[in-house]
Amino acid sequence: MQSSRTFISSLAIMAIIASVVWQRADAQEKYLSCCTRVSKKEVMDPIIGLEVQRPDKLCAAAVIVKTDKNEQFCCSPHAKWLKPKIMEFKRKLDRETQTKPSLLSRITRSSQKA
């Protein structure tokens, strides 16, 4: 009886260790509540948002990249691919804001028509 409990306990511990090792094998760190680890692996999906995380006691210095697949990744601020992607993202935002009329201009135009 005791040996079967020991065997089951050993299997449970091995399963936990295997799942932790498997999760760490993923080079991109997904964002949870704060980035405790970062990755230099390039995010290939289109970026729809960025957030800078300053380091503190629990969290690492990171750029949190949000993708169009509703994922968030903890990226190293020193990753070589990051600066060009940020510039591309900013250009895209600039183009979008230039083509969309502002709320104030829409309100002004609609009140002038009335």
PDB file of N, CA and C in Angstrom:
ATOM      1  N   MET A   1       0.822  -1.191   0.000  1.00  0.00           N
ATOM      2  CA  MET A   1       0.000   0.000   0.000  1.00  0.00           C
ATOM      3  C   MET A   1       0.862   1.250   0.000  1.00  0.00           C
ATOM      4  N   GLN A   2       1.853   1.239   0.869  1.00  0.00           N
ATOM      5  CA  GLN A   2       2.746   2.395   0.976  1.00  0.00           C
ATOM      6  C   GLN A   2       3.523   2.613  -0.319  1.00  0.00           C
ATOM      7  N   SER A   3       3.966   1.541  -0.951  1.00  0.00           N
ATOM      8  CA  SER A   3       4.746   1.691  -2.177  1.00  0.00           C
ATOM      9  C   SER A   3       3.885   2.230  -3.321  1.00  0.00           C
ATOM     10  N   SER A   4       2.599   1.907  -3.366  1.00  0.00           N
ATOM     11  CA  SER A   4       1.742   2.458  -4.424  1.00  0.00           C
ATOM     12  C   SER A   4       1.518   3.955  -4.213  1.00  0.00           C
ATOM     13  N   ARG A   5       1.400   4.400  -2.957  1.00  0.00           N
ATOM     14  CA  ARG A   5       1.283   5.833  -2.680  1.00  0.00           C
ATOM     15  C   ARG A   5       2.552   6.561  -3.075  1.00  0.00           C
ATOM     16  N   THR A   6       3.686   5.971  -2.756  1.00  0.00           N
ATOM     17  CA  THR A   6       4.965   6.573  -3.122  1.00  0.00           C
ATOM     18  C   THR A   6       5.088   6.658  -4.635  1.00  0.00           C
ATOM     19  N   PHE A   7       4.681   5.607  -5.322  1.00  0.00           N
ATOM     20  CA  PHE A   7       4.739   5.589  -6.781  1.00  0.00           C
ATOM     21  C   PHE A   7       3.844   6.673  -7.382  1.00  0.00           C
ATOM     22  N   ILE A   8       2.617   6.803  -6.876  1.00  0.00           N
ATOM     23  CA  ILE A   8       1.685   7.817  -7.372  1.00  0.00           C
ATOM     24  C   ILE A   8       2.218   9.219  -7.065  1.00  0.00           C
ATOM     25  N   SER A   9       2.759   9.396  -5.882  1.00  0.00           N
ATOM     26  CA  SER A   9       3.343  10.700  -5.525  1.00  0.00           C
ATOM     27  C   SER A   9       4.505  11.037  -6.442  1.00  0.00           C
ATOM     28  N   SER A  10       5.336  10.058  -6.733  1.00  0.00           N
ATOM     29  CA  SER A  10       6.470  10.271  -7.635  1.00  0.00           C
ATOM     30  C   SER A  10       5.996  10.650  -9.031  1.00  0.00           C
ATOM     31  N   LEU A  11       4.956   9.963  -9.521  1.00  0.00           N
ATOM     32  CA  LEU A  11       4.395  10.293 -10.832  1.00  0.00           C
ATOM     33  C   LEU A  11       3.843  11.715 -10.860  1.00  0.00           C
ATOM     34  N   ALA A  12       3.166  12.117  -9.798  1.00  0.00           N
ATOM     35  CA  ALA A  12       2.601  13.465  -9.734  1.00  0.00           C
ATOM     36  C   ALA A  12       3.709  14.515  -9.750  1.00  0.00           C
ATOM     37  N   ILE A  13       4.756  14.281  -9.000  1.00  0.00           N
ATOM     38  CA  ILE A  13       5.880  15.224  -8.965  1.00  0.00           C
ATOM     39  C   ILE A  13       6.554  15.292 -10.325  1.00  0.00           C
ATOM     40  N   MET A  14       6.746  14.149 -10.974  1.00  0.00           N
ATOM     41  CA  MET A  14       7.365  14.147 -12.307  1.00  0.00           C
ATOM     42  C   MET A  14       6.490  14.886 -13.316  1.00  0.00           C
ATOM     43  N   ALA A  15       5.172  14.751 -13.202  1.00  0.00           N
ATOM     44  CA  ALA A  15       4.264  15.464 -14.118  1.00  0.00           C
ATOM     45  C   ALA A  15       4.369  16.966 -13.920  1.00  0.00           C
ATOM     46  N   ILE A  16       4.458  17.402 -12.678  1.00  0.00           N
ATOM     47  CA  ILE A  16       4.593  18.832 -12.392  1.00  0.00           C
ATOM     48  C   ILE A  16       5.910  19.355 -12.949  1.00  0.00           C
ATOM     49  N   ILE A  17       6.987  18.652 -12.718  1.00  0.00           N
ATOM     50  CA  ILE A  17       8.303  19.070 -13.225  1.00  0.00           C
ATOM     51  C   ILE A  17       8.303  19.116 -14.744  1.00  0.00           C
ATOM     52  N   ALA A  18       7.708  18.108 -15.378  1.00  0.00           N
ATOM     53  CA  ALA A  18       7.658  18.070 -16.841  1.00  0.00           C
ATOM     54  C   ALA A  18       6.869  19.252 -17.393  1.00  0.00           C
ATOM     55  N   SER A  19       5.761  19.605 -16.744  1.00  0.00           N
ATOM     56  CA  SER A  19       4.968  20.724 -17.246  1.00  0.00           C
ATOM     57  C   SER A  19       5.714  22.044 -17.092  1.00  0.00           C
ATOM     58  N   VAL A  20       6.464  22.209 -16.008  1.00  0.00           N
ATOM     59  CA  VAL A  20       7.255  23.432 -15.812  1.00  0.00           C
ATOM     60  C   VAL A  20       8.354  23.512 -16.859  1.00  0.00           C
ATOM     61  N   VAL A  21       9.052  22.419 -17.094  1.00  0.00           N
ATOM     62  CA  VAL A  21      10.124  22.404 -18.096  1.00  0.00           C
ATOM     63  C   VAL A  21       9.540  22.669 -19.475  1.00  0.00           C
ATOM     64  N   TRP A  22       8.396  22.087 -19.796  1.00  0.00           N
ATOM     65  CA  TRP A  22       7.768  22.295 -21.089  1.00  0.00           C
ATOM     66  C   TRP A  22       7.376  23.761 -21.276  1.00  0.00           C
ATOM     67  N   GLN A  23       6.828  24.392 -20.249  1.00  0.00           N
ATOM     68  CA  GLN A  23       6.449  25.798 -20.333  1.00  0.00           C
ATOM     69  C   GLN A  23       7.667  26.678 -20.524  1.00  0.00           C
ATOM     70  N   ARG A  24       8.769  26.366 -19.886  1.00  0.00           N
ATOM     71  CA  ARG A  24       9.987  27.176 -20.010  1.00  0.00           C
ATOM     72  C   ARG A  24      10.638  26.991 -21.368  1.00  0.00           C
ATOM     73  N   ALA A  25      10.317  25.909 -22.078  1.00  0.00           N
ATOM     74  CA  ALA A  25      10.916  25.675 -23.385  1.00  0.00           C
ATOM     75  C   ALA A  25      10.403  26.663 -24.418  1.00  0.00           C
ATOM     76  N   ASP A  26       9.236  27.254 -24.184  1.00  0.00           N
ATOM     77  CA  ASP A  26       8.700  28.261 -25.091  1.00  0.00           C
ATOM     78  C   ASP A  26       9.543  29.518 -24.953  1.00  0.00           C
ATOM     79  N   ALA A  27      10.158  29.954 -26.054  1.00  0.00           N
ATOM     80  CA  ALA A  27      11.088  31.083 -25.999  1.00  0.00           C
ATOM     81  C   ALA A  27      10.379  32.410 -25.785  1.00  0.00           C
ATOM     82  N   GLN A  28       9.111  32.513 -26.158  1.00  0.00           N
ATOM     83  CA  GLN A  28       8.378  33.749 -25.941  1.00  0.00           C
ATOM     84  C   GLN A  28       7.656  33.658 -24.605  1.00  0.00           C
ATOM     85  N   GLU A  29       7.842  34.683 -23.805  1.00  0.00           N
ATOM     86  CA  GLU A  29       7.192  34.702 -22.503  1.00  0.00           C
ATOM     87  C   GLU A  29       5.861  35.412 -22.623  1.00  0.00           C
ATOM     88  N   LYS A  30       4.776  34.722 -22.341  1.00  0.00           N
ATOM     89  CA  LYS A  30       3.460  35.343 -22.397  1.00  0.00           C
ATOM     90  C   LYS A  30       3.238  36.154 -21.132  1.00  0.00           C
ATOM     91  N   TYR A  31       2.535  37.258 -21.306  1.00  0.00           N
ATOM     92  CA  TYR A  31       2.283  38.202 -20.224  1.00  0.00           C
ATOM     93  C   TYR A  31       1.184  37.676 -19.310  1.00  0.00           C
ATOM     94  N   LEU A  32       1.408  37.746 -18.017  1.00  0.00           N
ATOM     95  CA  LEU A  32       0.373  37.382 -17.059  1.00  0.00           C
ATOM     96  C   LEU A  32      -0.046  38.633 -16.295  1.00  0.00           C
ATOM     97  N   SER A  33       0.593  38.938 -15.187  1.00  0.00           N
ATOM     98  CA  SER A  33       0.268  40.169 -14.469  1.00  0.00           C
ATOM     99  C   SER A  33       1.432  41.146 -14.523  1.00  0.00           C
ATOM    100  N   CYS A  34       2.631  40.633 -14.531  1.00  0.00           N
ATOM    101  CA  CYS A  34       3.818  41.439 -14.790  1.00  0.00           C
ATOM    102  C   CYS A  34       4.870  40.483 -15.341  1.00  0.00           C
ATOM    103  N   CYS A  35       5.773  41.021 -16.111  1.00  0.00           N
ATOM    104  CA  CYS A  35       6.800  40.182 -16.726  1.00  0.00           C
ATOM    105  C   CYS A  35       7.919  39.926 -15.715  1.00  0.00           C
ATOM    106  N   THR A  36       8.088  38.676 -15.358  1.00  0.00           N
ATOM    107  CA  THR A  36       9.199  38.317 -14.481  1.00  0.00           C
ATOM    108  C   THR A  36      10.390  37.839 -15.296  1.00  0.00           C
ATOM    109  N   ARG A  37      10.109  37.434 -16.550  1.00  0.00           N
ATOM    110  CA  ARG A  37      11.152  37.037 -17.499  1.00  0.00           C
ATOM    111  C   ARG A  37      10.802  37.654 -18.843  1.00  0.00           C
ATOM    112  N   VAL A  38      11.827  37.874 -19.659  1.00  0.00           N
ATOM    113  CA  VAL A  38      11.599  38.443 -20.988  1.00  0.00           C
ATOM    114  C   VAL A  38      12.277  37.567 -22.029  1.00  0.00           C
ATOM    115  N   SER A  39      11.867  37.774 -23.276  1.00  0.00           N
ATOM    116  CA  SER A  39      12.415  37.010 -24.385  1.00  0.00           C
ATOM    117  C   SER A  39      12.932  37.964 -25.448  1.00  0.00           C
ATOM    118  N   LYS A  40      13.953  37.529 -26.175  1.00  0.00           N
ATOM    119  CA  LYS A  40      14.449  38.300 -27.316  1.00  0.00           C
ATOM    120  C   LYS A  40      13.909  37.742 -28.628  1.00  0.00           C
ATOM    121  N   LYS A  41      13.079  36.700 -28.547  1.00  0.00           N
ATOM    122  CA  LYS A  41      12.517  36.094 -29.749  1.00  0.00           C
ATOM    123  C   LYS A  41      11.508  37.053 -30.376  1.00  0.00           C
ATOM    124  N   GLU A  42      11.597  37.207 -31.695  1.00  0.00           N
ATOM    125  CA  GLU A  42      10.744  38.162 -32.405  1.00  0.00           C
ATOM    126  C   GLU A  42       9.292  37.719 -32.416  1.00  0.00           C
ATOM    127  N   VAL A  43       8.413  38.677 -32.171  1.00  0.00           N
ATOM    128  CA  VAL A  43       6.983  38.450 -32.272  1.00  0.00           C
ATOM    129  C   VAL A  43       6.601  38.650 -33.736  1.00  0.00           C
ATOM    130  N   MET A  44       6.035  37.629 -34.354  1.00  0.00           N
ATOM    131  CA  MET A  44       5.760  37.670 -35.784  1.00  0.00           C
ATOM    132  C   MET A  44       4.357  38.181 -36.123  1.00  0.00           C
ATOM    133  N   ASP A  45       3.422  38.085 -35.203  1.00  0.00           N
ATOM    134  CA  ASP A  45       2.062  38.551 -35.465  1.00  0.00           C
ATOM    135  C   ASP A  45       2.013  40.074 -35.474  1.00  0.00           C
ATOM    136  N   PRO A  46       1.043  40.660 -36.194  1.00  0.00           N
ATOM    137  CA  PRO A  46       0.915  42.118 -36.210  1.00  0.00           C
ATOM    138  C   PRO A  46       0.694  42.681 -34.802  1.00  0.00           C
ATOM    139  N   ILE A  47       1.382  43.772 -34.519  1.00  0.00           N
ATOM    140  CA  ILE A  47       1.323  44.402 -33.200  1.00  0.00           C
ATOM    141  C   ILE A  47       0.204  45.434 -33.197  1.00  0.00           C
ATOM    142  N   ILE A  48      -0.627  45.384 -32.149  1.00  0.00           N
ATOM    143  CA  ILE A  48      -1.711  46.362 -32.024  1.00  0.00           C
ATOM    144  C   ILE A  48      -1.550  47.236 -30.778  1.00  0.00           C
ATOM    145  N   GLY A  49      -0.542  46.943 -29.960  1.00  0.00           N
ATOM    146  CA  GLY A  49      -0.331  47.747 -28.766  1.00  0.00           C
ATOM    147  C   GLY A  49       1.007  47.445 -28.122  1.00  0.00           C
ATOM    148  N   LEU A  50       1.514  48.434 -27.410  1.00  0.00           N
ATOM    149  CA  LEU A  50       2.791  48.307 -26.699  1.00  0.00           C
ATOM    150  C   LEU A  50       2.655  48.935 -25.326  1.00  0.00           C
ATOM    151  N   GLU A  51       3.359  48.368 -24.378  1.00  0.00           N
ATOM    152  CA  GLU A  51       3.384  48.935 -23.035  1.00  0.00           C
ATOM    153  C   GLU A  51       4.780  48.716 -22.466  1.00  0.00           C
ATOM    154  N   VAL A  52       5.336  49.752 -21.870  1.00  0.00           N
ATOM    155  CA  VAL A  52       6.655  49.635 -21.249  1.00  0.00           C
ATOM    156  C   VAL A  52       6.449  49.314 -19.777  1.00  0.00           C
ATOM    157  N   GLN A  53       7.151  48.296 -19.311  1.00  0.00           N
ATOM    158  CA  GLN A  53       7.096  47.922 -17.901  1.00  0.00           C
ATOM    159  C   GLN A  53       8.434  48.252 -17.265  1.00  0.00           C
ATOM    160  N   ARG A  54       8.406  49.082 -16.277  1.00  0.00           N
ATOM    161  CA  ARG A  54       9.629  49.433 -15.554  1.00  0.00           C
ATOM    162  C   ARG A  54       9.919  48.350 -14.513  1.00  0.00           C
ATOM    163  N   PRO A  55      11.193  48.088 -14.268  1.00  0.00           N
ATOM    164  CA  PRO A  55      11.521  47.039 -13.297  1.00  0.00           C
ATOM    165  C   PRO A  55      11.206  47.477 -11.866  1.00  0.00           C
ATOM    166  N   ASP A  56      10.804  46.518 -11.067  1.00  0.00           N
ATOM    167  CA  ASP A  56      10.661  46.733  -9.631  1.00  0.00           C
ATOM    168  C   ASP A  56      11.062  45.439  -8.928  1.00  0.00           C
ATOM    169  N   LYS A  57      10.677  45.264  -7.711  1.00  0.00           N
ATOM    170  CA  LYS A  57      11.117  44.089  -6.944  1.00  0.00           C
ATOM    171  C   LYS A  57      10.689  42.766  -7.591  1.00  0.00           C
ATOM    172  N   LEU A  58       9.498  42.728  -8.173  1.00  0.00           N
ATOM    173  CA  LEU A  58       8.983  41.482  -8.736  1.00  0.00           C
ATOM    174  C   LEU A  58       9.055  41.414 -10.257  1.00  0.00           C
ATOM    175  N   CYS A  59       8.960  42.560 -10.918  1.00  0.00           N
ATOM    176  CA  CYS A  59       8.824  42.592 -12.372  1.00  0.00           C
ATOM    177  C   CYS A  59      10.126  43.009 -13.049  1.00  0.00           C
ATOM    178  N   ALA A  60      10.364  42.449 -14.220  1.00  0.00           N
ATOM    179  CA  ALA A  60      11.559  42.758 -15.003  1.00  0.00           C
ATOM    180  C   ALA A  60      11.289  43.950 -15.919  1.00  0.00           C
ATOM    181  N   ALA A  61      12.351  44.599 -16.370  1.00  0.00           N
ATOM    182  CA  ALA A  61      12.222  45.626 -17.399  1.00  0.00           C
ATOM    183  C   ALA A  61      11.760  44.925 -18.666  1.00  0.00           C
ATOM    184  N   ALA A  62      10.676  45.409 -19.254  1.00  0.00           N
ATOM    185  CA  ALA A  62      10.113  44.716 -20.412  1.00  0.00           C
ATOM    186  C   ALA A  62       9.305  45.660 -21.280  1.00  0.00           C
ATOM    187  N   VAL A  63       9.125  45.244 -22.516  1.00  0.00           N
ATOM    188  CA  VAL A  63       8.143  45.864 -23.399  1.00  0.00           C
ATOM    189  C   VAL A  63       7.083  44.791 -23.624  1.00  0.00           C
ATOM    190  N   ILE A  64       5.868  45.103 -23.236  1.00  0.00           N
ATOM    191  CA  ILE A  64       4.773  44.151 -23.393  1.00  0.00           C
ATOM    192  C   ILE A  64       4.145  44.419 -24.752  1.00  0.00           C
ATOM    193  N   VAL A  65       4.253  43.438 -25.629  1.00  0.00           N
ATOM    194  CA  VAL A  65       3.767  43.560 -26.997  1.00  0.00           C
ATOM    195  C   VAL A  65       2.418  42.866 -27.088  1.00  0.00           C
ATOM    196  N   LYS A  66       1.411  43.612 -27.555  1.00  0.00           N
ATOM    197  CA  LYS A  66       0.066  43.062 -27.723  1.00  0.00           C
ATOM    198  C   LYS A  66      -0.156  42.804 -29.211  1.00  0.00           C
ATOM    199  N   THR A  67      -0.647  41.618 -29.541  1.00  0.00           N
ATOM    200  CA  THR A  67      -0.822  41.243 -30.944  1.00  0.00           C
ATOM    201  C   THR A  67      -2.294  41.197 -31.333  1.00  0.00           C
ATOM    202  N   ASP A  68      -2.520  41.106 -32.626  1.00  0.00           N
ATOM    203  CA  ASP A  68      -3.892  41.044 -33.141  1.00  0.00           C
ATOM    204  C   ASP A  68      -4.576  39.720 -32.803  1.00  0.00           C
ATOM    205  N   LYS A  69      -3.828  38.761 -32.288  1.00  0.00           N
ATOM    206  CA  LYS A  69      -4.415  37.480 -31.863  1.00  0.00           C
ATOM    207  C   LYS A  69      -4.769  37.500 -30.384  1.00  0.00           C
ATOM    208  N   ASN A  70      -4.826  38.711 -29.823  1.00  0.00           N
ATOM    209  CA  ASN A  70      -5.182  38.910 -28.421  1.00  0.00           C
ATOM    210  C   ASN A  70      -4.196  38.232 -27.474  1.00  0.00           C
ATOM    211  N   GLU A  71      -2.910  38.265 -27.854  1.00  0.00           N
ATOM    212  CA  GLU A  71      -1.854  37.724 -26.997  1.00  0.00           C
ATOM    213  C   GLU A  71      -0.946  38.869 -26.566  1.00  0.00           C
ATOM    214  N   GLN A  72      -0.308  38.689 -25.431  1.00  0.00           N
ATOM    215  CA  GLN A  72       0.642  39.667 -24.935  1.00  0.00           C
ATOM    216  C   GLN A  72       1.937  38.933 -24.593  1.00  0.00           C
ATOM    217  N   PHE A  73       3.064  39.506 -25.034  1.00  0.00           N
ATOM    218  CA  PHE A  73       4.361  38.879 -24.813  1.00  0.00           C
ATOM    219  C   PHE A  73       5.300  39.813 -24.079  1.00  0.00           C
ATOM    220  N   CYS A  74       6.109  39.247 -23.221  1.00  0.00           N
ATOM    221  CA  CYS A  74       7.116  39.985 -22.471  1.00  0.00           C
ATOM    222  C   CYS A  74       8.411  39.976 -23.279  1.00  0.00           C
ATOM    223  N   CYS A  75       8.764  41.122 -23.811  1.00  0.00           N
ATOM    224  CA  CYS A  75       9.926  41.216 -24.690  1.00  0.00           C
ATOM    225  C   CYS A  75      11.042  42.017 -24.028  1.00  0.00           C
ATOM    226  N   SER A  76      12.253  41.609 -24.323  1.00  0.00           N
ATOM    227  CA  SER A  76      13.410  42.334 -23.811  1.00  0.00           C
ATOM    228  C   SER A  76      13.471  43.701 -24.485  1.00  0.00           C
ATOM    229  N   PRO A  77      13.680  44.768 -23.701  1.00  0.00           N
ATOM    230  CA  PRO A  77      13.821  46.094 -24.310  1.00  0.00           C
ATOM    231  C   PRO A  77      15.058  46.183 -25.199  1.00  0.00           C
ATOM    232  N   HIS A  78      15.965  45.221 -25.085  1.00  0.00           N
ATOM    233  CA  HIS A  78      17.218  45.228 -25.846  1.00  0.00           C
ATOM    234  C   HIS A  78      17.178  44.315 -27.076  1.00  0.00           C
ATOM    235  N   ALA A  79      16.021  43.724 -27.357  1.00  0.00           N
ATOM    236  CA  ALA A  79      15.904  42.853 -28.529  1.00  0.00           C
ATOM    237  C   ALA A  79      16.120  43.682 -29.795  1.00  0.00           C
ATOM    238  N   LYS A  80      16.942  43.180 -30.707  1.00  0.00           N
ATOM    239  CA  LYS A  80      17.290  43.922 -31.923  1.00  0.00           C
ATOM    240  C   LYS A  80      16.089  44.181 -32.822  1.00  0.00           C
ATOM    241  N   TRP A  81      15.128  43.306 -32.850  1.00  0.00           N
ATOM    242  CA  TRP A  81      13.971  43.431 -33.726  1.00  0.00           C
ATOM    243  C   TRP A  81      12.947  44.431 -33.211  1.00  0.00           C
ATOM    244  N   LEU A  82      13.033  44.787 -31.912  1.00  0.00           N
ATOM    245  CA  LEU A  82      11.967  45.553 -31.275  1.00  0.00           C
ATOM    246  C   LEU A  82      11.862  46.997 -31.777  1.00  0.00           C
ATOM    247  N   LYS A  83      12.973  47.693 -31.895  1.00  0.00           N
ATOM    248  CA  LYS A  83      12.923  49.101 -32.301  1.00  0.00           C
ATOM    249  C   LYS A  83      12.299  49.274 -33.689  1.00  0.00           C
ATOM    250  N   PRO A  84      12.712  48.492 -34.708  1.00  0.00           N
ATOM    251  CA  PRO A  84      12.046  48.635 -36.010  1.00  0.00           C
ATOM    252  C   PRO A  84      10.539  48.333 -35.947  1.00  0.00           C
ATOM    253  N   LYS A  85      10.135  47.358 -35.141  1.00  0.00           N
ATOM    254  CA  LYS A  85       8.708  47.032 -35.014  1.00  0.00           C
ATOM    255  C   LYS A  85       7.954  48.177 -34.339  1.00  0.00           C
ATOM    256  N   ILE A  86       8.573  48.807 -33.332  1.00  0.00           N
ATOM    257  CA  ILE A  86       7.935  49.940 -32.663  1.00  0.00           C
ATOM    258  C   ILE A  86       7.765  51.095 -33.643  1.00  0.00           C
ATOM    259  N   MET A  87       8.796  51.366 -34.442  1.00  0.00           N
ATOM    260  CA  MET A  87       8.712  52.442 -35.435  1.00  0.00           C
ATOM    261  C   MET A  87       7.610  52.144 -36.457  1.00  0.00           C
ATOM    262  N   GLU A  88       7.526  50.909 -36.903  1.00  0.00           N
ATOM    263  CA  GLU A  88       6.483  50.502 -37.852  1.00  0.00           C
ATOM    264  C   GLU A  88       5.096  50.690 -37.235  1.00  0.00           C
ATOM    265  N   PHE A  89       4.951  50.292 -35.973  1.00  0.00           N
ATOM    266  CA  PHE A  89       3.684  50.431 -35.267  1.00  0.00           C
ATOM    267  C   PHE A  89       3.300  51.902 -35.139  1.00  0.00           C
ATOM    268  N   LYS A  90       4.258  52.766 -34.792  1.00  0.00           N
ATOM    269  CA  LYS A  90       3.975  54.195 -34.661  1.00  0.00           C
ATOM    270  C   LYS A  90       3.579  54.807 -35.997  1.00  0.00           C
ATOM    271  N   ARG A  91       4.250  54.420 -37.083  1.00  0.00           N
ATOM    272  CA  ARG A  91       3.879  54.923 -38.406  1.00  0.00           C
ATOM    273  C   ARG A  91       2.451  54.515 -38.758  1.00  0.00           C
ATOM    274  N   LYS A  92       2.103  53.276 -38.438  1.00  0.00           N
ATOM    275  CA  LYS A  92       0.752  52.790 -38.709  1.00  0.00           C
ATOM    276  C   LYS A  92      -0.274  53.599 -37.920  1.00  0.00           C
ATOM    277  N   LEU A  93       0.020  53.877 -36.651  1.00  0.00           N
ATOM    278  CA  LEU A  93      -0.890  54.684 -35.841  1.00  0.00           C
ATOM    279  C   LEU A  93      -1.031  56.089 -36.412  1.00  0.00           C
ATOM    280  N   ASP A  94       0.086  56.680 -36.835  1.00  0.00           N
ATOM    281  CA  ASP A  94       0.053  58.025 -37.422  1.00  0.00           C
ATOM    282  C   ASP A  94      -0.816  58.042 -38.673  1.00  0.00           C
ATOM    283  N   ARG A  95      -0.663  57.038 -39.535  1.00  0.00           N
ATOM    284  CA  ARG A  95      -1.474  56.967 -40.756  1.00  0.00           C
ATOM    285  C   ARG A  95      -2.955  56.847 -40.418  1.00  0.00           C
ATOM    286  N   GLU A  96      -3.271  56.032 -39.419  1.00  0.00           N
ATOM    287  CA  GLU A  96      -4.671  55.834 -39.032  1.00  0.00           C
ATOM    288  C   GLU A  96      -5.270  57.109 -38.455  1.00  0.00           C
ATOM    289  N   THR A  97      -4.513  57.829 -37.640  1.00  0.00           N
ATOM    290  CA  THR A  97      -5.057  59.045 -37.045  1.00  0.00           C
ATOM    291  C   THR A  97      -5.181  60.160 -38.073  1.00  0.00           C
ATOM    292  N   GLN A  98      -4.345  60.152 -39.102  1.00  0.00           N
ATOM    293  CA  GLN A  98      -4.449  61.166 -40.150  1.00  0.00           C
ATOM    294  C   GLN A  98      -5.631  60.908 -41.064  1.00  0.00           C
ATOM    295  N   THR A  99      -5.984  59.662 -41.275  1.00  0.00           N
ATOM    296  CA  THR A  99      -7.078  59.344 -42.198  1.00  0.00           C
ATOM    297  C   THR A  99      -8.440  59.397 -41.515  1.00  0.00           C
ATOM    298  N   LYS A 100      -8.485  59.199 -40.199  1.00  0.00           N
ATOM    299  CA  LYS A 100      -9.759  59.237 -39.483  1.00  0.00           C
ATOM    300  C   LYS A 100     -10.003  60.659 -38.970  1.00  0.00           C
ATOM    301  N   PRO A 101     -11.175  61.221 -39.261  1.00  0.00           N
ATOM    302  CA  PRO A 101     -11.463  62.544 -38.713  1.00  0.00           C
ATOM    303  C   PRO A 101     -11.646  62.459 -37.201  1.00  0.00           C
ATOM    304  N   SER A 102     -11.215  63.488 -36.518  1.00  0.00           N
ATOM    305  CA  SER A 102     -11.328  63.489 -35.066  1.00  0.00           C
ATOM    306  C   SER A 102     -12.788  63.620 -34.652  1.00  0.00           C
ATOM    307  N   LEU A 103     -13.080  63.266 -33.432  1.00  0.00           N
ATOM    308  CA  LEU A 103     -14.427  63.367 -32.906  1.00  0.00           C
ATOM    309  C   LEU A 103     -14.898  64.815 -32.935  1.00  0.00           C
ATOM    310  N   LEU A 104     -13.994  65.738 -32.572  1.00  0.00           N
ATOM    311  CA  LEU A 104     -14.352  67.151 -32.565  1.00  0.00           C
ATOM    312  C   LEU A 104     -14.725  67.628 -33.966  1.00  0.00           C
ATOM    313  N   SER A 105     -13.949  67.224 -34.990  1.00  0.00           N
ATOM    314  CA  SER A 105     -14.275  67.662 -36.353  1.00  0.00           C
ATOM    315  C   SER A 105     -15.585  67.053 -36.829  1.00  0.00           C
ATOM    316  N   ARG A 106     -15.886  65.823 -36.434  1.00  0.00           N
ATOM    317  CA  ARG A 106     -17.160  65.215 -36.818  1.00  0.00           C
ATOM    318  C   ARG A 106     -18.334  65.935 -36.168  1.00  0.00           C
ATOM    319  N   ILE A 107     -18.180  66.305 -34.893  1.00  0.00           N
ATOM    320  CA  ILE A 107     -19.241  67.022 -34.183  1.00  0.00           C
ATOM    321  C   ILE A 107     -19.446  68.387 -34.820  1.00  0.00           C
ATOM    322  N   THR A 108     -18.330  69.060 -35.132  1.00  0.00           N
ATOM    323  CA  THR A 108     -18.401  70.384 -35.741  1.00  0.00           C
ATOM    324  C   THR A 108     -19.093  70.313 -37.095  1.00  0.00           C
ATOM    325  N   ARG A 109     -18.728  69.349 -37.898  1.00  0.00           N
ATOM    326  CA  ARG A 109     -19.347  69.200 -39.225  1.00  0.00           C
ATOM    327  C   ARG A 109     -20.831  68.889 -39.116  1.00  0.00           C
ATOM    328  N   SER A 110     -21.212  68.012 -38.205  1.00  0.00           N
ATOM    329  CA  SER A 110     -22.620  67.641 -38.078  1.00  0.00           C
ATOM    330  C   SER A 110     -23.441  68.821 -37.552  1.00  0.00           C
ATOM    331  N   SER A 111     -22.876  69.652 -36.680  1.00  0.00           N
ATOM    332  CA  SER A 111     -23.625  70.805 -36.176  1.00  0.00           C
ATOM    333  C   SER A 111     -23.737  71.879 -37.256  1.00  0.00           C
ATOM    334  N   GLN A 112     -22.767  71.971 -38.169  1.00  0.00           N
ATOM    335  CA  GLN A 112     -22.832  72.957 -39.251  1.00  0.00           C
ATOM    336  C   GLN A 112     -23.904  72.569 -40.265  1.00  0.00           C
ATOM    337  N   LYS A 113     -24.139  71.279 -40.446  1.00  0.00           N
ATOM    338  CA  LYS A 113     -25.152  70.813 -41.395  1.00  0.00           C
ATOM    339  C   LYS A 113     -26.556  71.061 -40.887  1.00  0.00           C
ATOM    340  N   ALA A 114     -26.708  71.082 -39.576  1.00  0.00           N
ATOM    341  CA  ALA A 114     -28.048  71.223 -38.995  1.00  0.00           C
ATOM    342  C   ALA A 114     -28.589  72.621 -39.064  1.00  0.00           C
TER     343      ALA A 114
END
